[in-house]
Amino acid sequence: MRFVPVDSDDEETNQAVDASYLEKYNDSEYSVTMSTEPVRRNTLEVVPGE
C-alpha cells in the first residue's frame, strides 16, 4: 500500500472528499477547517500494493 497526494487541481476528487468528510464529521467544530487550504492539500489517496 502506498499513499499518493491528491492533485490540488483535481477539483472533482477534492470536492468529493470534502463532501464525504463534512457528511461524516458535520458535528465537529473542525469540519469546515478540514476542507479548506492549507489543510485540504494534505489529502492522500490510498493505493493498494501490487
C-alpha atoms as a PDB file:
ATOM      1  CA  MET A   1       0.000   0.000   0.000  1.00  0.00           C
ATOM      2  CA  ARG A   2       1.165   3.493  -0.726  1.00  0.00           C
ATOM      3  CA  PHE A   3      -0.165   6.979  -0.191  1.00  0.00           C
ATOM      4  CA  VAL A   4      -0.313   9.450  -3.077  1.00  0.00           C
ATOM      5  CA  PRO A   5      -1.138  13.140  -2.673  1.00  0.00           C
ATOM      6  CA  VAL A   6      -4.333  14.187  -4.435  1.00  0.00           C
ATOM      7  CA  ASP A   7      -3.508  16.850  -7.020  1.00  0.00           C
ATOM      8  CA  SER A   8      -4.792  20.227  -5.854  1.00  0.00           C
ATOM      9  CA  ASP A   9      -6.069  20.798  -9.409  1.00  0.00           C
ATOM     10  CA  ASP A  10      -8.242  17.650  -9.202  1.00  0.00           C
ATOM     11  CA  GLU A  11     -11.265  19.610  -8.066  1.00  0.00           C
ATOM     12  CA  GLU A  12     -13.699  16.734  -8.655  1.00  0.00           C
ATOM     13  CA  THR A  13     -11.862  14.429  -6.254  1.00  0.00           C
ATOM     14  CA  ASN A  14     -11.228  17.173  -3.704  1.00  0.00           C
ATOM     15  CA  GLN A  15     -14.902  18.164  -3.674  1.00  0.00           C
ATOM     16  CA  ALA A  16     -15.971  14.528  -3.264  1.00  0.00           C
ATOM     17  CA  VAL A  17     -13.581  14.088  -0.320  1.00  0.00           C
ATOM     18  CA  ASP A  18     -14.756  17.355   1.247  1.00  0.00           C
ATOM     19  CA  ALA A  19     -18.425  16.374   0.917  1.00  0.00           C
ATOM     20  CA  SER A  20     -17.829  12.944   2.461  1.00  0.00           C
ATOM     21  CA  TYR A  21     -15.804  14.414   5.304  1.00  0.00           C
ATOM     22  CA  LEU A  22     -18.406  17.083   6.044  1.00  0.00           C
ATOM     23  CA  GLU A  23     -21.182  14.482   5.994  1.00  0.00           C
ATOM     24  CA  LYS A  24     -19.355  12.202   8.419  1.00  0.00           C
ATOM     25  CA  TYR A  25     -17.968  14.869  10.772  1.00  0.00           C
ATOM     26  CA  ASN A  26     -20.687  17.511  10.495  1.00  0.00           C
ATOM     27  CA  ASP A  27     -20.925  17.841  14.277  1.00  0.00           C
ATOM     28  CA  SER A  28     -17.221  18.617  14.677  1.00  0.00           C
ATOM     29  CA  GLU A  29     -16.172  22.203  15.153  1.00  0.00           C
ATOM     30  CA  TYR A  30     -13.208  21.456  12.853  1.00  0.00           C
ATOM     31  CA  SER A  31     -15.190  20.059   9.914  1.00  0.00           C
ATOM     32  CA  VAL A  32     -15.148  23.248   7.834  1.00  0.00           C
ATOM     33  CA  THR A  33     -11.468  23.898   8.540  1.00  0.00           C
ATOM     34  CA  MET A  34     -10.538  20.419   7.295  1.00  0.00           C
ATOM     35  CA  SER A  35     -11.892  21.181   3.825  1.00  0.00           C
ATOM     36  CA  THR A  36     -10.033  24.458   3.305  1.00  0.00           C
ATOM     37  CA  GLU A  37      -6.449  25.318   2.410  1.00  0.00           C
ATOM     38  CA  PRO A  38      -3.810  24.628   3.601  1.00  0.00           C
ATOM     39  CA  VAL A  39      -5.294  21.504   5.215  1.00  0.00           C
ATOM     40  CA  ARG A  40      -7.006  20.373   2.009  1.00  0.00           C
ATOM     41  CA  ARG A  41      -3.739  19.996   0.089  1.00  0.00           C
ATOM     42  CA  ASN A  42      -2.696  17.241   2.507  1.00  0.00           C
ATOM     43  CA  THR A  43      -5.396  14.875   1.225  1.00  0.00           C
ATOM     44  CA  LEU A  44      -3.939  11.500   0.318  1.00  0.00           C
ATOM     45  CA  GLU A  45      -5.200   8.681  -1.870  1.00  0.00           C
ATOM     46  CA  VAL A  46      -4.599   5.178  -0.538  1.00  0.00           C
ATOM     47  CA  VAL A  47      -3.358   2.974  -3.384  1.00  0.00           C
ATOM     48  CA  PRO A  48      -3.336  -0.803  -2.829  1.00  0.00           C
ATOM     49  CA  GLY A  49       0.037  -2.539  -3.110  1.00  0.00           C
ATOM     50  CA  GLU A  50       0.882  -4.504  -6.196  1.00  0.00           C
END
